[in-house]
Protein backbone atom coordinates (compact mmCIF):
# COMPACT_ATOMS: atom_id res chain seq x y z
CA MET A 1 125.16 86.35 98.90
CA SER A 2 124.01 89.91 99.52
CA GLU A 3 127.28 91.81 99.27
CA ASN A 4 126.88 95.59 99.16
CA LEU A 5 123.15 95.35 99.91
CA PRO A 6 121.58 96.94 102.98
CA PRO A 7 119.72 94.76 105.50
CA LYS A 8 116.37 93.35 104.44
CA THR A 9 113.31 95.33 105.52
CA CYS A 10 110.91 92.38 105.25
CA THR A 11 110.95 88.62 104.63
CA ILE A 12 110.85 86.66 101.40
CA GLU A 13 107.49 85.18 102.47
CA ARG A 14 105.97 88.65 101.89
CA LEU A 15 107.56 89.15 98.45
CA VAL A 16 104.68 87.76 96.36
CA THR A 17 101.41 87.36 98.26
CA LYS A 18 98.50 88.46 96.05
CA GLU A 19 96.78 85.45 94.51
CA ASP A 20 96.84 86.85 90.95
CA ASP A 21 100.57 87.57 91.29
CA VAL A 22 101.23 84.08 92.66
CA GLU A 23 99.47 82.59 89.63
CA LYS A 24 101.48 84.82 87.25
CA VAL A 25 104.72 83.60 88.85
CA ILE A 26 103.69 79.95 88.58
CA ARG A 27 102.72 80.42 84.91
CA GLY A 28 106.07 82.12 84.21
CA GLU A 29 104.43 85.46 83.35
CA LYS A 30 105.99 87.26 86.33
CA THR A 31 109.73 86.93 86.95
CA ALA A 32 110.29 90.06 89.03
CA THR A 33 108.60 92.15 91.66
CA ARG A 34 109.27 95.66 92.89
CA ARG A 35 108.92 96.67 96.50
CA ASN A 36 109.55 99.78 98.57
CA GLY A 37 112.00 97.77 100.69
CA ARG A 38 114.35 94.84 100.25
CA TYR A 39 112.59 91.52 100.92
CA ALA A 40 115.14 88.91 99.81
CA ASP A 41 118.80 88.11 99.48
CA ILE A 42 120.34 86.81 96.27
CA GLY A 43 120.13 83.02 96.34
CA GLU A 44 117.17 82.95 98.71
CA ILE A 45 114.33 80.56 97.81
CA MET A 46 110.68 81.60 97.64
CA GLU A 47 108.06 78.85 97.72
CA LEU A 48 104.64 79.38 96.16
CA LYS A 49 102.07 76.57 96.16
CA GLY A 50 104.80 73.96 96.46
CA GLN A 51 106.94 75.40 93.66
CA LYS A 52 110.33 76.95 94.35
CA PHE A 53 111.82 80.10 92.87
CA GLU A 54 115.32 81.45 93.45
CA VAL A 55 116.01 85.17 93.74
CA HIS A 56 118.93 85.79 91.40
CA LYS A 57 119.07 89.59 91.22
CA VAL A 58 118.28 92.35 93.73
CA TYR A 59 118.86 96.00 92.84
CA GLN A 60 117.37 99.47 93.08
CA GLN A 61 115.61 101.26 90.25
CA SER A 62 113.79 104.58 90.06
CA LEU A 63 110.21 104.71 88.82
CA GLY A 64 111.43 107.06 86.08
CA GLU A 65 113.71 104.29 84.76
CA LEU A 66 110.83 101.88 84.17
CA THR A 67 110.30 100.74 80.59
CA ASP A 68 107.61 98.62 78.99
CA GLU A 69 110.16 95.80 78.80
CA ALA A 70 110.94 96.11 82.52
CA VAL A 71 107.30 95.92 83.62
CA GLN A 72 106.69 92.93 81.37
CA THR A 73 108.76 90.99 83.95
CA GLU A 74 105.99 92.00 86.39
CA GLY A 75 103.32 90.57 84.06
CA PHE A 76 102.14 93.91 82.61
CA ASP A 77 102.10 95.07 78.99
CA ASN A 78 103.33 98.60 79.58
CA VAL A 79 104.40 101.12 82.20
CA GLU A 80 101.01 102.85 82.26
CA SER A 81 99.12 99.64 83.12
CA TYR A 82 101.70 98.80 85.81
CA LYS A 83 101.50 102.32 87.23
CA ASN A 84 97.68 102.21 87.35
CA HIS A 85 97.80 98.83 89.10
CA ILE A 86 100.27 100.03 91.75
CA LEU A 87 98.38 103.27 92.39
CA SER A 88 95.07 101.37 92.72
CA MET A 89 96.61 99.29 95.53
CA HIS A 90 98.31 102.22 97.30
CA ALA A 91 95.77 105.03 97.49
CA GLY A 92 97.41 108.42 97.84
CA MET A 93 100.85 107.18 96.81
CA PRO A 94 102.63 109.67 94.58
CA TRP A 95 104.28 108.33 91.42
CA LEU A 96 107.54 110.26 91.41
CA PRO A 97 110.19 109.56 88.74
CA HIS A 98 113.00 109.83 91.31
CA MET A 99 111.32 107.42 93.79
CA LYS A 100 113.46 104.29 94.22
CA VAL A 101 112.13 100.76 94.52
CA TRP A 102 113.86 97.43 95.05
CA VAL A 103 113.68 94.99 92.14
CA HIS A 104 113.75 91.29 93.02
CA GLU A 105 114.23 89.01 89.99
CA PHE A 106 113.57 85.29 90.40
CA ARG A 107 113.43 82.05 88.41
CA ALA A 108 112.01 78.57 88.90
CA VAL A 109 114.35 75.98 90.41
């Protein structure tokens, strides 16, 4: 399931926790989330308000690789709005193009 991936640093229950993000997932507006660590294995099931979502891709990406299309999977229109959202939640966090994050892509099951 998670071949060639390092151990998880957190649990799938912590992958999507903010209420507005949960609602975006349920509405189908958010099909991916990026985290500093790896929260899920491929094939793992996340349950939000009684609905189930399967993680089908887990990979690393640098912040410099983000495109408007990529952040649309997070429910944002463009990289700038995504960046502003992330920095508003993580005061003092630098936004460095070489900084790697873990992308978790999921779909309803």
